[in-house]
Amino acid sequence: MKKLLLIPLLALLVACQPSKITRHWTAQNWQPRQYKQILVLAIATDTDNVLQSKMEDHLAEDLRNMGYYAIAANTIYPAGTFVKGDTNRAIAAITGRNFDAVFTLVLFDKQKEKFYVPGRITDSLRAGQNSRFEQYMNSVNDRIYTPGYYGEQTRFTWECNFYDGASKQIIYSARTRTFDYASTTILAHTFGQLLSYDLVKRKILTKPPAENY
């Protein structure tokens, strides 16, 4: 019985965590640096262009709130400038813009997942409410057999790479799992906070000058 109740509870907990880093990598012997201009660039299909722009906007904004100068690609480039697989076009667009770092967010996978929500779950003990065995069993039957429902959420898998402009090398990479939330705005905001703080935690970025706060 505990296992039957645990499975839907775990599904609900996952649904309440819209963003999570599942893997990460940092270049060895990397020394954190101060970057003056960080380009935040998300790449996704045309059907996800709204989410793509919001992911860029919120991550760039979260980095700026921490004192780093970052700019979302959609604010300076027209739609369709960056397409998966067109490396030469991407390099040409970035060249000469004086970005000393590029943070890419590539949407690798997008899948629908179903989860079951039981009809009635409470976190209170029933000992005081149902002191007699027959009362307790009636209560259990009522909770267990109350019809639940199936919900559906979308799981997005993003690969996030931070490139140093001077060396042209990747110095940080993370694979993230994000889920649908109340809105794409909330999803993008929680994602932006997660990635920006992880860049500092992994010592990719140095603490910005005091005047930037």
N, C-alpha and C. Protein backbone atom coordinates (compact mmCIF):
# COMPACT_ATOMS: atom_id res chain seq x y z
N MET A 1 0.83 -1.21 0.00
CA MET A 1 0.00 0.00 0.00
C MET A 1 0.86 1.26 0.00
N LYS A 2 1.97 1.23 0.79
CA LYS A 2 2.84 2.39 0.84
C LYS A 2 3.45 2.68 -0.53
N LYS A 3 3.82 1.60 -1.26
CA LYS A 3 4.39 1.79 -2.58
C LYS A 3 3.38 2.41 -3.53
N LEU A 4 2.12 1.99 -3.42
CA LEU A 4 1.08 2.52 -4.30
C LEU A 4 0.89 4.01 -4.08
N LEU A 5 0.99 4.45 -2.85
CA LEU A 5 0.83 5.87 -2.55
C LEU A 5 2.10 6.65 -2.87
N LEU A 6 3.27 6.00 -2.77
CA LEU A 6 4.53 6.70 -2.97
C LEU A 6 4.74 7.11 -4.42
N ILE A 7 4.33 6.26 -5.35
CA ILE A 7 4.57 6.56 -6.77
C ILE A 7 3.90 7.85 -7.21
N PRO A 8 2.60 8.08 -6.95
CA PRO A 8 1.99 9.35 -7.36
C PRO A 8 2.56 10.54 -6.60
N LEU A 9 2.97 10.32 -5.35
CA LEU A 9 3.56 11.42 -4.59
C LEU A 9 4.87 11.86 -5.21
N LEU A 10 5.69 10.89 -5.65
CA LEU A 10 6.95 11.23 -6.31
C LEU A 10 6.70 11.99 -7.60
N ALA A 11 5.66 11.59 -8.32
CA ALA A 11 5.33 12.29 -9.57
C ALA A 11 4.96 13.74 -9.30
N LEU A 12 4.23 13.97 -8.20
CA LEU A 12 3.85 15.33 -7.86
C LEU A 12 5.07 16.16 -7.45
N LEU A 13 6.00 15.54 -6.73
CA LEU A 13 7.20 16.24 -6.32
C LEU A 13 8.04 16.65 -7.53
N VAL A 14 8.15 15.75 -8.50
CA VAL A 14 8.89 16.07 -9.72
C VAL A 14 8.25 17.22 -10.45
N ALA A 15 6.90 17.20 -10.49
CA ALA A 15 6.18 18.27 -11.19
C ALA A 15 6.38 19.62 -10.52
N CYS A 16 6.68 19.62 -9.21
CA CYS A 16 6.86 20.87 -8.48
C CYS A 16 8.28 21.41 -8.59
N GLN A 17 9.18 20.68 -9.25
CA GLN A 17 10.55 21.13 -9.44
C GLN A 17 10.77 21.35 -10.93
N PRO A 18 10.49 22.56 -11.43
CA PRO A 18 10.52 22.78 -12.87
C PRO A 18 11.89 22.67 -13.50
N SER A 19 12.98 22.91 -12.75
CA SER A 19 14.31 22.90 -13.33
C SER A 19 15.30 22.19 -12.42
N LYS A 20 16.16 21.38 -13.03
CA LYS A 20 17.16 20.64 -12.27
C LYS A 20 18.36 20.35 -13.15
N ILE A 21 19.58 20.53 -12.61
CA ILE A 21 20.80 20.16 -13.32
C ILE A 21 21.05 18.68 -13.08
N THR A 22 21.10 17.90 -14.14
CA THR A 22 21.31 16.46 -14.00
C THR A 22 22.76 16.05 -14.20
N ARG A 23 23.52 16.84 -14.98
CA ARG A 23 24.95 16.58 -15.19
C ARG A 23 25.67 17.92 -15.34
N HIS A 24 26.94 17.93 -14.97
CA HIS A 24 27.72 19.16 -15.18
C HIS A 24 29.19 18.81 -15.37
N TRP A 25 29.91 19.69 -16.05
CA TRP A 25 31.33 19.51 -16.32
C TRP A 25 32.00 20.88 -16.32
N THR A 26 33.22 20.95 -15.75
CA THR A 26 33.99 22.18 -15.74
C THR A 26 35.40 21.87 -16.19
N ALA A 27 35.97 22.73 -17.02
CA ALA A 27 37.33 22.52 -17.50
C ALA A 27 38.31 22.50 -16.34
N GLN A 28 39.26 21.60 -16.40
CA GLN A 28 40.25 21.47 -15.33
C GLN A 28 41.17 22.69 -15.31
N ASN A 29 41.61 23.04 -14.10
CA ASN A 29 42.55 24.14 -13.88
C ASN A 29 42.04 25.48 -14.40
N TRP A 30 40.72 25.60 -14.50
CA TRP A 30 40.16 26.87 -14.96
C TRP A 30 40.17 27.90 -13.85
N GLN A 31 40.61 29.10 -14.17
CA GLN A 31 40.61 30.20 -13.22
C GLN A 31 39.47 31.15 -13.56
N PRO A 32 38.58 31.44 -12.61
CA PRO A 32 37.44 32.32 -12.90
C PRO A 32 37.88 33.70 -13.38
N ARG A 33 37.10 34.27 -14.28
CA ARG A 33 37.44 35.56 -14.87
C ARG A 33 36.26 36.51 -14.81
N GLN A 34 36.56 37.76 -15.02
CA GLN A 34 35.51 38.77 -15.12
C GLN A 34 35.20 38.97 -16.60
N TYR A 35 33.94 38.76 -16.94
CA TYR A 35 33.52 38.95 -18.32
C TYR A 35 32.73 40.24 -18.44
N LYS A 36 33.03 41.01 -19.48
CA LYS A 36 32.38 42.30 -19.65
C LYS A 36 31.09 42.19 -20.48
N GLN A 37 31.06 41.21 -21.40
CA GLN A 37 29.87 41.04 -22.23
C GLN A 37 29.63 39.55 -22.46
N ILE A 38 28.51 39.05 -21.92
CA ILE A 38 28.15 37.64 -22.07
C ILE A 38 26.90 37.56 -22.95
N LEU A 39 27.02 36.85 -24.05
CA LEU A 39 25.86 36.64 -24.92
C LEU A 39 25.14 35.38 -24.47
N VAL A 40 23.85 35.48 -24.21
CA VAL A 40 23.03 34.32 -23.85
C VAL A 40 22.23 33.92 -25.10
N LEU A 41 22.51 32.74 -25.61
CA LEU A 41 21.96 32.30 -26.88
C LEU A 41 21.25 30.96 -26.73
N ALA A 42 19.94 30.93 -26.93
CA ALA A 42 19.17 29.69 -26.89
C ALA A 42 18.85 29.26 -28.32
N ILE A 43 18.92 27.96 -28.57
CA ILE A 43 18.65 27.41 -29.90
C ILE A 43 17.59 26.33 -29.76
N ALA A 44 16.48 26.52 -30.46
CA ALA A 44 15.38 25.55 -30.42
C ALA A 44 14.66 25.60 -31.76
N THR A 45 13.66 24.75 -31.93
CA THR A 45 12.89 24.74 -33.17
C THR A 45 11.96 25.94 -33.22
N ASP A 46 11.44 26.22 -34.40
CA ASP A 46 10.56 27.37 -34.57
C ASP A 46 9.30 27.28 -33.70
N THR A 47 8.86 26.07 -33.42
CA THR A 47 7.65 25.91 -32.61
C THR A 47 7.87 26.31 -31.15
N ASP A 48 9.13 26.41 -30.75
CA ASP A 48 9.45 26.78 -29.36
C ASP A 48 10.13 28.14 -29.28
N ASN A 49 9.87 29.00 -30.28
CA ASN A 49 10.58 30.28 -30.29
C ASN A 49 10.17 31.21 -29.15
N VAL A 50 8.94 31.09 -28.66
CA VAL A 50 8.52 31.92 -27.52
C VAL A 50 9.28 31.50 -26.26
N LEU A 51 9.31 30.20 -26.01
CA LEU A 51 10.07 29.69 -24.86
C LEU A 51 11.55 30.01 -25.01
N GLN A 52 12.07 29.89 -26.22
CA GLN A 52 13.47 30.18 -26.49
C GLN A 52 13.82 31.61 -26.07
N SER A 53 13.00 32.57 -26.47
CA SER A 53 13.26 33.96 -26.14
C SER A 53 13.17 34.21 -24.63
N LYS A 54 12.21 33.57 -23.99
CA LYS A 54 12.06 33.76 -22.55
C LYS A 54 13.22 33.16 -21.78
N MET A 55 13.73 32.03 -22.24
CA MET A 55 14.89 31.42 -21.59
C MET A 55 16.09 32.36 -21.67
N GLU A 56 16.28 32.95 -22.84
CA GLU A 56 17.37 33.92 -23.01
C GLU A 56 17.18 35.13 -22.12
N ASP A 57 15.98 35.69 -22.15
CA ASP A 57 15.70 36.91 -21.40
C ASP A 57 15.92 36.73 -19.91
N HIS A 58 15.39 35.65 -19.35
CA HIS A 58 15.47 35.47 -17.90
C HIS A 58 16.87 35.12 -17.43
N LEU A 59 17.59 34.31 -18.19
CA LEU A 59 18.96 33.99 -17.79
C LEU A 59 19.84 35.24 -17.85
N ALA A 60 19.69 36.02 -18.92
CA ALA A 60 20.45 37.26 -19.03
C ALA A 60 20.10 38.23 -17.91
N GLU A 61 18.82 38.32 -17.59
CA GLU A 61 18.39 39.21 -16.52
C GLU A 61 18.92 38.75 -15.16
N ASP A 62 18.90 37.44 -14.91
CA ASP A 62 19.40 36.93 -13.64
C ASP A 62 20.90 37.17 -13.50
N LEU A 63 21.64 37.06 -14.59
CA LEU A 63 23.07 37.36 -14.55
C LEU A 63 23.30 38.85 -14.29
N ARG A 64 22.49 39.69 -14.91
CA ARG A 64 22.63 41.14 -14.67
C ARG A 64 22.30 41.49 -13.23
N ASN A 65 21.28 40.84 -12.68
CA ASN A 65 20.92 41.10 -11.28
C ASN A 65 22.03 40.71 -10.32
N MET A 66 22.89 39.80 -10.75
CA MET A 66 24.02 39.39 -9.92
C MET A 66 25.25 40.27 -10.16
N GLY A 67 25.14 41.22 -11.09
CA GLY A 67 26.23 42.15 -11.33
C GLY A 67 27.03 41.91 -12.58
N TYR A 68 26.62 40.92 -13.40
CA TYR A 68 27.35 40.62 -14.64
C TYR A 68 26.59 41.21 -15.82
N TYR A 69 27.34 41.67 -16.82
CA TYR A 69 26.68 42.23 -17.99
C TYR A 69 26.39 41.10 -18.97
N ALA A 70 25.13 40.81 -19.19
CA ALA A 70 24.71 39.76 -20.11
C ALA A 70 23.58 40.29 -20.98
N ILE A 71 23.51 39.79 -22.19
CA ILE A 71 22.49 40.26 -23.12
C ILE A 71 21.87 39.06 -23.83
N ALA A 72 20.56 39.08 -23.97
CA ALA A 72 19.83 38.01 -24.66
C ALA A 72 19.96 38.18 -26.16
N ALA A 73 20.23 37.09 -26.86
CA ALA A 73 20.45 37.14 -28.30
C ALA A 73 19.25 37.71 -29.05
N ASN A 74 18.03 37.42 -28.57
CA ASN A 74 16.85 37.87 -29.31
C ASN A 74 16.67 39.38 -29.29
N THR A 75 17.41 40.08 -28.43
CA THR A 75 17.28 41.54 -28.37
C THR A 75 18.16 42.25 -29.39
N ILE A 76 19.09 41.50 -30.01
CA ILE A 76 19.98 42.14 -30.98
C ILE A 76 20.03 41.41 -32.33
N TYR A 77 19.52 40.19 -32.37
CA TYR A 77 19.53 39.43 -33.62
C TYR A 77 18.10 39.14 -34.07
N PRO A 78 17.84 39.17 -35.38
CA PRO A 78 16.50 38.83 -35.87
C PRO A 78 16.25 37.33 -35.75
N ALA A 79 14.99 36.96 -35.70
CA ALA A 79 14.61 35.55 -35.60
C ALA A 79 15.17 34.77 -36.78
N GLY A 80 15.66 33.56 -36.53
CA GLY A 80 16.20 32.72 -37.58
C GLY A 80 17.69 32.88 -37.82
N THR A 81 18.35 33.76 -37.04
CA THR A 81 19.79 33.96 -37.22
C THR A 81 20.57 32.72 -36.83
N PHE A 82 20.14 32.06 -35.75
CA PHE A 82 20.84 30.88 -35.27
C PHE A 82 19.97 29.65 -35.45
N VAL A 83 20.47 28.72 -36.23
CA VAL A 83 19.75 27.49 -36.53
C VAL A 83 20.66 26.31 -36.21
N LYS A 84 20.11 25.27 -35.59
CA LYS A 84 20.92 24.11 -35.25
C LYS A 84 21.58 23.53 -36.51
N GLY A 85 22.89 23.32 -36.43
CA GLY A 85 23.63 22.73 -37.55
C GLY A 85 24.31 23.74 -38.44
N ASP A 86 23.93 25.02 -38.38
CA ASP A 86 24.54 26.05 -39.23
C ASP A 86 25.61 26.79 -38.44
N THR A 87 26.76 26.14 -38.23
CA THR A 87 27.82 26.69 -37.41
C THR A 87 28.43 27.94 -38.02
N ASN A 88 28.69 27.92 -39.31
CA ASN A 88 29.34 29.06 -39.98
C ASN A 88 28.51 30.32 -39.86
N ARG A 89 27.21 30.18 -40.00
CA ARG A 89 26.33 31.34 -39.89
C ARG A 89 26.35 31.89 -38.47
N ALA A 90 26.38 31.01 -37.49
CA ALA A 90 26.41 31.44 -36.09
C ALA A 90 27.70 32.20 -35.77
N ILE A 91 28.82 31.67 -36.24
CA ILE A 91 30.11 32.32 -36.00
C ILE A 91 30.16 33.69 -36.66
N ALA A 92 29.64 33.77 -37.88
CA ALA A 92 29.64 35.04 -38.60
C ALA A 92 28.80 36.09 -37.86
N ALA A 93 27.69 35.65 -37.27
CA ALA A 93 26.81 36.59 -36.57
C ALA A 93 27.46 37.13 -35.29
N ILE A 94 28.24 36.29 -34.64
CA ILE A 94 28.85 36.69 -33.36
C ILE A 94 30.13 37.48 -33.56
N THR A 95 30.88 37.17 -34.62
CA THR A 95 32.16 37.82 -34.87
C THR A 95 32.02 39.34 -34.97
N GLY A 96 32.91 40.03 -34.26
CA GLY A 96 32.93 41.48 -34.30
C GLY A 96 32.00 42.16 -33.32
N ARG A 97 31.29 41.39 -32.51
CA ARG A 97 30.34 41.95 -31.55
C ARG A 97 30.96 42.22 -30.19
N ASN A 98 32.23 41.86 -30.00
CA ASN A 98 32.96 42.11 -28.75
C ASN A 98 32.43 41.32 -27.56
N PHE A 99 31.81 40.18 -27.83
CA PHE A 99 31.41 39.32 -26.71
C PHE A 99 32.64 38.55 -26.24
N ASP A 100 32.91 38.57 -24.95
CA ASP A 100 34.05 37.81 -24.45
C ASP A 100 33.62 36.48 -23.85
N ALA A 101 32.31 36.17 -23.93
CA ALA A 101 31.81 34.86 -23.52
C ALA A 101 30.45 34.64 -24.18
N VAL A 102 30.16 33.38 -24.50
CA VAL A 102 28.87 33.01 -25.08
C VAL A 102 28.33 31.84 -24.28
N PHE A 103 27.09 31.99 -23.81
CA PHE A 103 26.42 30.94 -23.05
C PHE A 103 25.29 30.40 -23.91
N THR A 104 25.43 29.17 -24.41
CA THR A 104 24.42 28.59 -25.30
C THR A 104 23.49 27.65 -24.55
N LEU A 105 22.22 27.69 -24.92
CA LEU A 105 21.20 26.81 -24.38
C LEU A 105 20.54 26.10 -25.56
N VAL A 106 20.80 24.82 -25.71
CA VAL A 106 20.28 24.08 -26.86
C VAL A 106 19.21 23.10 -26.38
N LEU A 107 18.03 23.20 -26.96
CA LEU A 107 16.93 22.29 -26.61
C LEU A 107 17.15 20.97 -27.34
N PHE A 108 17.59 19.95 -26.60
CA PHE A 108 17.90 18.66 -27.19
C PHE A 108 16.69 17.74 -27.31
N ASP A 109 15.79 17.83 -26.37
CA ASP A 109 14.68 16.87 -26.36
C ASP A 109 13.46 17.51 -25.72
N LYS A 110 12.29 17.07 -26.18
CA LYS A 110 11.02 17.57 -25.65
C LYS A 110 10.02 16.43 -25.71
N GLN A 111 9.55 16.01 -24.56
CA GLN A 111 8.65 14.86 -24.50
C GLN A 111 7.50 15.10 -23.55
N LYS A 112 6.34 14.53 -23.90
CA LYS A 112 5.18 14.56 -23.02
C LYS A 112 5.26 13.39 -22.04
N GLU A 113 4.95 13.67 -20.78
CA GLU A 113 4.92 12.62 -19.77
C GLU A 113 3.62 12.70 -18.99
N LYS A 114 3.08 11.54 -18.66
CA LYS A 114 1.86 11.50 -17.85
C LYS A 114 2.19 11.13 -16.41
N PHE A 115 1.40 11.66 -15.49
CA PHE A 115 1.54 11.30 -14.08
C PHE A 115 0.14 11.20 -13.47
N TYR A 116 0.03 10.37 -12.47
CA TYR A 116 -1.27 10.12 -11.85
C TYR A 116 -1.39 10.88 -10.54
N VAL A 117 -2.51 11.55 -10.36
CA VAL A 117 -2.81 12.27 -9.13
C VAL A 117 -3.95 11.54 -8.43
N PRO A 118 -3.68 10.95 -7.27
CA PRO A 118 -4.75 10.21 -6.57
C PRO A 118 -5.86 11.13 -6.12
N GLY A 119 -7.02 10.56 -5.90
CA GLY A 119 -8.19 11.36 -5.56
C GLY A 119 -8.10 12.08 -4.24
N ARG A 120 -7.47 11.45 -3.24
CA ARG A 120 -7.42 12.09 -1.93
C ARG A 120 -6.16 11.67 -1.19
N ILE A 121 -5.32 12.64 -0.88
CA ILE A 121 -4.11 12.39 -0.08
C ILE A 121 -4.04 13.43 1.02
N THR A 122 -3.79 12.99 2.24
CA THR A 122 -3.61 13.92 3.36
C THR A 122 -2.33 13.55 4.08
N ASP A 123 -1.74 14.53 4.77
CA ASP A 123 -0.51 14.27 5.50
C ASP A 123 -0.74 14.14 7.01
N SER A 124 -1.98 14.08 7.42
CA SER A 124 -2.29 13.96 8.84
C SER A 124 -2.50 12.51 9.23
N LEU A 125 -2.12 12.17 10.47
CA LEU A 125 -2.35 10.84 10.99
C LEU A 125 -3.82 10.67 11.35
N ARG A 126 -4.33 9.45 11.21
CA ARG A 126 -5.75 9.19 11.43
C ARG A 126 -6.03 8.57 12.81
N ALA A 127 -4.97 8.41 13.61
CA ALA A 127 -5.17 7.71 14.88
C ALA A 127 -6.19 8.40 15.77
N GLY A 128 -6.10 9.71 15.89
CA GLY A 128 -7.01 10.44 16.78
C GLY A 128 -8.40 10.59 16.20
N GLN A 129 -8.49 10.54 14.86
CA GLN A 129 -9.79 10.75 14.22
C GLN A 129 -10.60 9.45 14.11
N ASN A 130 -9.90 8.32 14.03
CA ASN A 130 -10.56 7.03 13.86
C ASN A 130 -9.99 6.04 14.88
N SER A 131 -10.50 6.12 16.09
CA SER A 131 -9.96 5.27 17.15
C SER A 131 -10.40 3.83 17.03
N ARG A 132 -11.51 3.57 16.36
CA ARG A 132 -12.00 2.21 16.21
C ARG A 132 -11.57 1.65 14.84
N PHE A 133 -11.33 0.34 14.80
CA PHE A 133 -10.83 -0.30 13.60
C PHE A 133 -11.77 -0.12 12.42
N GLU A 134 -13.07 -0.31 12.64
CA GLU A 134 -14.01 -0.21 11.54
C GLU A 134 -14.09 1.22 10.98
N GLN A 135 -13.93 2.22 11.88
CA GLN A 135 -13.93 3.60 11.42
C GLN A 135 -12.71 3.89 10.54
N TYR A 136 -11.58 3.36 10.97
CA TYR A 136 -10.35 3.58 10.21
C TYR A 136 -10.43 2.93 8.84
N MET A 137 -10.93 1.70 8.78
CA MET A 137 -11.02 0.99 7.51
C MET A 137 -11.97 1.70 6.54
N ASN A 138 -13.08 2.23 7.07
CA ASN A 138 -13.99 2.99 6.22
C ASN A 138 -13.31 4.22 5.65
N SER A 139 -12.51 4.87 6.51
CA SER A 139 -11.79 6.07 6.07
C SER A 139 -10.77 5.73 5.00
N VAL A 140 -10.03 4.63 5.18
CA VAL A 140 -9.04 4.19 4.20
C VAL A 140 -9.70 3.87 2.86
N ASN A 141 -10.80 3.14 2.91
CA ASN A 141 -11.50 2.79 1.68
C ASN A 141 -11.96 4.03 0.93
N ASP A 142 -12.41 5.04 1.69
CA ASP A 142 -12.89 6.27 1.08
C ASP A 142 -11.74 7.00 0.38
N ARG A 143 -10.56 7.02 1.04
CA ARG A 143 -9.43 7.74 0.45
C ARG A 143 -8.81 6.98 -0.72
N ILE A 144 -8.69 5.67 -0.59
CA ILE A 144 -8.03 4.89 -1.62
C ILE A 144 -8.85 4.79 -2.89
N TYR A 145 -10.16 4.65 -2.75
CA TYR A 145 -11.00 4.40 -3.91
C TYR A 145 -11.67 5.65 -4.47
N THR A 146 -11.34 6.82 -3.93
CA THR A 146 -11.82 8.05 -4.54
C THR A 146 -11.11 8.23 -5.88
N PRO A 147 -11.82 8.37 -6.98
CA PRO A 147 -11.17 8.44 -8.30
C PRO A 147 -10.18 9.59 -8.39
N GLY A 148 -9.04 9.31 -8.98
CA GLY A 148 -8.05 10.35 -9.24
C GLY A 148 -8.09 10.73 -10.71
N TYR A 149 -6.99 11.28 -11.19
CA TYR A 149 -6.95 11.65 -12.60
C TYR A 149 -5.50 11.64 -13.08
N TYR A 150 -5.33 11.60 -14.38
CA TYR A 150 -4.01 11.64 -14.99
C TYR A 150 -3.74 13.06 -15.50
N GLY A 151 -2.54 13.54 -15.17
CA GLY A 151 -2.12 14.83 -15.67
C GLY A 151 -1.02 14.63 -16.71
N GLU A 152 -0.71 15.67 -17.45
CA GLU A 152 0.33 15.59 -18.47
C GLU A 152 1.23 16.80 -18.37
N GLN A 153 2.53 16.59 -18.47
CA GLN A 153 3.48 17.68 -18.44
C GLN A 153 4.54 17.44 -19.52
N THR A 154 5.21 18.50 -19.92
CA THR A 154 6.24 18.40 -20.94
C THR A 154 7.61 18.48 -20.29
N ARG A 155 8.47 17.55 -20.63
CA ARG A 155 9.84 17.55 -20.11
C ARG A 155 10.77 18.06 -21.20
N PHE A 156 11.55 19.09 -20.88
CA PHE A 156 12.52 19.65 -21.80
C PHE A 156 13.93 19.27 -21.32
N THR A 157 14.77 18.84 -22.25
CA THR A 157 16.17 18.56 -21.93
C THR A 157 17.04 19.59 -22.65
N TRP A 158 17.76 20.38 -21.86
CA TRP A 158 18.61 21.43 -22.40
C TRP A 158 20.08 21.08 -22.15
N GLU A 159 20.94 21.42 -23.12
CA GLU A 159 22.38 21.36 -22.90
C GLU A 159 22.89 22.79 -22.89
N CYS A 160 23.58 23.15 -21.82
CA CYS A 160 24.00 24.53 -21.60
C CYS A 160 25.53 24.60 -21.57
N ASN A 161 26.12 25.31 -22.53
CA ASN A 161 27.57 25.39 -22.65
C ASN A 161 28.04 26.84 -22.53
N PHE A 162 29.11 27.03 -21.75
CA PHE A 162 29.69 28.37 -21.58
C PHE A 162 31.04 28.38 -22.29
N TYR A 163 31.18 29.29 -23.28
CA TYR A 163 32.41 29.38 -24.07
C TYR A 163 33.17 30.65 -23.73
N ASP A 164 34.48 30.50 -23.54
CA ASP A 164 35.34 31.65 -23.31
C ASP A 164 35.68 32.28 -24.65
N GLY A 165 35.48 33.60 -24.77
CA GLY A 165 35.68 34.27 -26.04
C GLY A 165 37.14 34.33 -26.47
N ALA A 166 38.06 34.45 -25.53
CA ALA A 166 39.47 34.59 -25.87
C ALA A 166 40.05 33.27 -26.40
N SER A 167 39.79 32.19 -25.69
CA SER A 167 40.35 30.89 -26.08
C SER A 167 39.46 30.13 -27.06
N LYS A 168 38.20 30.55 -27.21
CA LYS A 168 37.21 29.87 -28.05
C LYS A 168 36.90 28.45 -27.54
N GLN A 169 37.21 28.19 -26.28
CA GLN A 169 37.03 26.86 -25.72
C GLN A 169 35.83 26.81 -24.79
N ILE A 170 35.23 25.62 -24.72
CA ILE A 170 34.14 25.42 -23.77
C ILE A 170 34.76 25.21 -22.38
N ILE A 171 34.24 25.90 -21.39
CA ILE A 171 34.80 25.79 -20.04
C ILE A 171 33.78 25.28 -19.02
N TYR A 172 32.52 25.19 -19.46
CA TYR A 172 31.46 24.70 -18.56
C TYR A 172 30.35 24.11 -19.40
N SER A 173 29.82 22.99 -18.94
CA SER A 173 28.70 22.37 -19.64
C SER A 173 27.77 21.74 -18.61
N ALA A 174 26.48 21.87 -18.85
CA ALA A 174 25.49 21.30 -17.94
C ALA A 174 24.32 20.75 -18.75
N ARG A 175 23.82 19.62 -18.32
CA ARG A 175 22.59 19.07 -18.90
C ARG A 175 21.48 19.29 -17.89
N THR A 176 20.40 19.90 -18.33
CA THR A 176 19.32 20.23 -17.41
C THR A 176 18.01 19.59 -17.85
N ARG A 177 17.17 19.35 -16.87
CA ARG A 177 15.83 18.83 -17.12
C ARG A 177 14.85 19.86 -16.57
N THR A 178 13.95 20.30 -17.43
CA THR A 178 12.94 21.26 -17.01
C THR A 178 11.56 20.74 -17.37
N PHE A 179 10.59 21.10 -16.56
CA PHE A 179 9.21 20.68 -16.79
C PHE A 179 8.31 21.89 -16.96
N ASP A 180 7.17 21.64 -17.60
CA ASP A 180 6.12 22.66 -17.67
C ASP A 180 5.78 23.14 -16.27
N TYR A 181 5.44 24.39 -16.16
CA TYR A 181 5.02 24.92 -14.87
C TYR A 181 3.77 25.74 -15.11
N ALA A 182 3.42 26.62 -14.18
CA ALA A 182 2.21 27.42 -14.33
C ALA A 182 2.26 28.26 -15.60
N SER A 183 3.47 28.67 -15.98
CA SER A 183 3.62 29.46 -17.20
C SER A 183 5.07 29.33 -17.67
N THR A 184 5.31 29.62 -18.95
CA THR A 184 6.68 29.59 -19.47
C THR A 184 7.53 30.67 -18.82
N THR A 185 6.90 31.74 -18.35
CA THR A 185 7.64 32.80 -17.67
C THR A 185 8.24 32.28 -16.36
N ILE A 186 7.44 31.58 -15.57
CA ILE A 186 7.94 31.02 -14.31
C ILE A 186 9.01 29.97 -14.59
N LEU A 187 8.77 29.15 -15.59
CA LEU A 187 9.74 28.12 -15.96
C LEU A 187 11.07 28.75 -16.34
N ALA A 188 11.04 29.77 -17.20
CA ALA A 188 12.26 30.43 -17.65
C ALA A 188 12.97 31.13 -16.49
N HIS A 189 12.19 31.69 -15.57
CA HIS A 189 12.78 32.40 -14.43
C HIS A 189 13.52 31.44 -13.51
N THR A 190 12.90 30.31 -13.17
CA THR A 190 13.56 29.34 -12.28
C THR A 190 14.79 28.74 -12.97
N PHE A 191 14.70 28.55 -14.28
CA PHE A 191 15.83 28.03 -15.04
C PHE A 191 16.99 29.03 -15.01
N GLY A 192 16.68 30.30 -15.23
CA GLY A 192 17.71 31.33 -15.23
C GLY A 192 18.43 31.44 -13.90
N GLN A 193 17.68 31.39 -12.82
CA GLN A 193 18.30 31.45 -11.50
C GLN A 193 19.18 30.24 -11.26
N LEU A 194 18.71 29.07 -11.65
CA LEU A 194 19.47 27.84 -11.44
C LEU A 194 20.82 27.90 -12.14
N LEU A 195 20.83 28.30 -13.42
CA LEU A 195 22.07 28.31 -14.20
C LEU A 195 23.01 29.43 -13.78
N SER A 196 22.48 30.61 -13.52
CA SER A 196 23.34 31.73 -13.14
C SER A 196 24.07 31.46 -11.83
N TYR A 197 23.37 30.91 -10.85
CA TYR A 197 24.01 30.60 -9.58
C TYR A 197 25.01 29.45 -9.72
N ASP A 198 24.72 28.51 -10.63
CA ASP A 198 25.66 27.40 -10.80
C ASP A 198 26.96 27.87 -11.44
N LEU A 199 26.90 28.86 -12.33
CA LEU A 199 28.11 29.41 -12.93
C LEU A 199 29.03 30.00 -11.86
N VAL A 200 28.44 30.64 -10.87
CA VAL A 200 29.23 31.21 -9.77
C VAL A 200 29.72 30.09 -8.85
N LYS A 201 28.85 29.14 -8.57
CA LYS A 201 29.20 28.03 -7.69
C LYS A 201 30.37 27.22 -8.25
N ARG A 202 30.39 27.00 -9.57
CA ARG A 202 31.46 26.23 -10.21
C ARG A 202 32.69 27.09 -10.50
N LYS A 203 32.63 28.36 -10.09
CA LYS A 203 33.76 29.29 -10.23
C LYS A 203 34.12 29.54 -11.70
N ILE A 204 33.09 29.63 -12.51
CA ILE A 204 33.29 30.05 -13.89
C ILE A 204 33.38 31.57 -13.95
N LEU A 205 32.57 32.22 -13.13
CA LEU A 205 32.54 33.68 -13.07
C LEU A 205 33.11 34.16 -11.74
N THR A 206 33.91 35.21 -11.79
CA THR A 206 34.39 35.83 -10.57
C THR A 206 33.30 36.77 -10.04
N LYS A 207 33.46 37.14 -8.78
CA LYS A 207 32.54 38.11 -8.20
C LYS A 207 32.69 39.44 -8.92
N PRO A 208 31.60 40.02 -9.40
CA PRO A 208 31.69 41.28 -10.15
C PRO A 208 32.12 42.44 -9.26
N PRO A 209 32.68 43.51 -9.87
CA PRO A 209 33.06 44.68 -9.09
C PRO A 209 31.89 45.25 -8.31
N ALA A 210 32.16 45.89 -7.17
CA ALA A 210 31.12 46.40 -6.30
C ALA A 210 30.23 47.41 -7.01
N GLU A 211 30.81 48.19 -7.93
CA GLU A 211 30.01 49.22 -8.60
C GLU A 211 28.94 48.63 -9.52
N ASN A 212 29.05 47.32 -9.84
CA ASN A 212 28.06 46.69 -10.71
C ASN A 212 26.79 46.35 -9.99
N TYR A 213 26.81 46.34 -8.65
CA TYR A 213 25.61 45.97 -7.88
C TYR A 213 24.63 47.11 -7.85
